[in-house]
Protein backbone atom coordinates (compact mmCIF):
# COMPACT_ATOMS: atom_id res chain seq x y z
CA ILE A 1 -11.04 -12.62 -14.44
CA TRP A 2 -8.01 -12.36 -12.12
CA SER A 3 -5.63 -12.31 -15.07
CA GLN A 4 -7.40 -9.18 -16.34
CA ARG A 5 -7.49 -7.39 -12.98
CA LEU A 6 -4.25 -8.43 -11.29
CA VAL A 7 -0.68 -7.47 -12.13
CA ILE A 8 2.14 -9.44 -10.47
CA GLY A 9 5.79 -8.44 -10.35
CA THR A 10 7.97 -5.45 -9.63
CA ASN A 11 8.66 -4.28 -13.18
CA GLN A 12 5.12 -4.69 -14.42
CA CYS A 13 3.58 -2.91 -11.42
CA GLN A 14 6.08 -0.05 -11.48
CA ARG A 15 5.52 0.41 -15.22
CA ILE A 16 1.77 0.81 -14.73
CA LEU A 17 2.25 3.26 -11.85
CA GLU A 18 4.73 5.31 -13.89
CA GLN A 19 2.38 5.40 -16.87
CA ASN A 20 -0.40 6.75 -14.63
CA ILE A 21 1.87 9.40 -13.15
CA GLN A 22 2.84 10.50 -16.66
CA GLY A 23 -0.84 10.74 -17.56
CA ASP A 24 -0.92 8.03 -20.20
CA PRO A 25 -4.63 7.68 -21.11
CA THR A 26 -4.15 4.10 -22.35
CA ALA A 27 -2.61 2.85 -19.09
CA PRO A 28 -4.69 0.55 -16.88
CA ILE A 29 -5.86 2.31 -13.72
CA PRO A 30 -4.63 0.78 -10.44
CA SER A 31 -6.86 0.65 -7.40
CA LEU A 32 -4.87 -1.23 -4.72
CA VAL A 33 -1.20 -2.06 -4.21
CA VAL A 34 -0.24 -5.09 -2.09
CA LEU A 35 3.39 -5.16 -0.90
CA ALA A 36 5.26 -7.85 1.04
CA ARG A 37 7.58 -6.46 3.71
CA ASP A 38 10.14 -9.27 3.42
CA VAL A 39 11.55 -8.11 0.07
CA TYR A 40 15.32 -8.13 -0.23
CA PRO A 41 16.83 -5.72 -1.04
CA PRO A 42 14.13 -3.37 0.24
CA THR A 43 15.25 -0.62 -2.14
CA MET A 44 13.81 -2.72 -4.99
CA LEU A 45 10.33 -1.51 -4.09
CA ALA A 46 11.18 1.81 -2.41
CA SER A 47 9.58 3.92 -5.15
CA VAL A 48 6.26 2.09 -5.12
CA PRO A 49 4.78 3.72 -1.96
CA VAL A 50 5.79 7.16 -3.22
CA MET A 51 4.12 6.60 -6.59
CA ALA A 52 1.00 5.07 -4.99
CA LYS A 53 0.64 7.99 -2.60
CA ARG A 54 1.02 10.45 -5.45
CA LEU A 55 -1.78 8.68 -7.33
CA GLY A 56 -3.96 8.31 -4.20
CA ILE A 57 -3.90 4.51 -4.26
CA GLU A 58 -4.25 2.45 -1.11
CA ILE A 59 -1.27 0.31 -0.07
CA LEU A 60 -1.63 -2.92 1.85
CA LEU A 61 1.62 -4.05 3.56
CA LEU A 62 1.79 -7.73 4.35
CA PRO A 63 3.88 -8.77 7.37
CA GLY A 64 6.26 -11.67 7.95
CA LYS A 65 7.14 -14.09 5.15
CA ALA A 66 4.36 -12.75 2.98
CA SER A 67 6.20 -12.98 -0.33
CA ASN A 68 6.52 -16.78 -0.02
CA GLU A 69 2.94 -17.27 1.12
CA LEU A 70 1.54 -14.89 -1.49
CA GLY A 71 3.55 -16.60 -4.19
CA ARG A 72 2.31 -19.99 -3.10
CA ALA A 73 -1.31 -18.77 -3.22
CA LEU A 74 -0.74 -17.53 -6.78
CA GLY A 75 1.08 -20.67 -7.90
CA ILE A 76 4.51 -19.08 -8.22
CA LYS A 77 7.67 -19.09 -6.11
CA LYS A 78 7.45 -15.58 -4.62
CA ALA A 79 5.35 -12.48 -5.12
CA SER A 80 6.62 -9.23 -3.65
CA ILE A 81 4.07 -6.89 -5.19
CA LEU A 82 0.55 -7.12 -6.62
CA LEU A 83 -1.43 -4.42 -8.30
CA PHE A 84 -5.20 -4.65 -8.59
CA LEU A 85 -6.65 -2.77 -11.58
CA ARG A 86 -9.92 -0.88 -11.80
CA SER A 87 -12.60 -1.96 -14.18
CA THR A 88 -15.79 -0.31 -15.39
CA SER A 89 -17.20 -3.61 -16.63
CA THR A 90 -20.56 -4.56 -15.13
CA THR A 91 -20.21 -8.32 -15.54
CA ILE A 92 -20.84 -10.28 -12.38
CA ASP A 93 -17.19 -11.36 -12.05
CA HIS A 94 -15.88 -7.79 -12.33
CA THR A 95 -18.53 -6.60 -9.89
CA LYS A 96 -17.40 -9.20 -7.34
CA VAL A 97 -13.75 -8.10 -7.66
CA ASN A 98 -14.79 -4.43 -7.35
CA SER A 99 -16.78 -5.31 -4.25
CA PHE A 100 -13.76 -7.09 -2.74
CA LEU A 101 -11.48 -4.13 -3.45
CA GLU A 102 -13.97 -1.66 -1.96
CA PHE A 103 -14.21 -3.81 1.17
CA VAL A 104 -10.42 -4.00 1.57
CA SER A 105 -10.07 -0.25 1.06
CA SER A 106 -12.80 0.50 3.57
CA GLN A 107 -11.19 -1.78 6.16
CA MET A 108 -7.82 -0.10 5.64
CA ILE A 109 -9.37 3.35 6.09
CA ASN A 110 -11.16 2.22 9.28
CA LYS A 111 -7.90 0.81 10.72
CA THR A 112 -6.02 4.07 10.19
CA ARG A 113 -8.58 6.17 12.06
């Protein structure tokens, strides 16, 4: 289920965000962006927060050496950006992921107030 709902990598995530900004009806719809702060060079991901804000998507910034830890959790060397996609499927697995994303978004909104 995660392979259907999770996009990993700078180019892939930026492509999906750009497609949504351009109004491509076939583009997958993002619901949450996760960024690691320890990306070098930082300009590599500078456009992502701007695009996410324009689309009204929540951004979760991970502190410290997050790219190494996130990559290790995903079974790869490093992961600087993740994009969670929306789904209208009502299968139990998709419902659990939707529930997780709603919880994360609600916690982020509560922290900013």
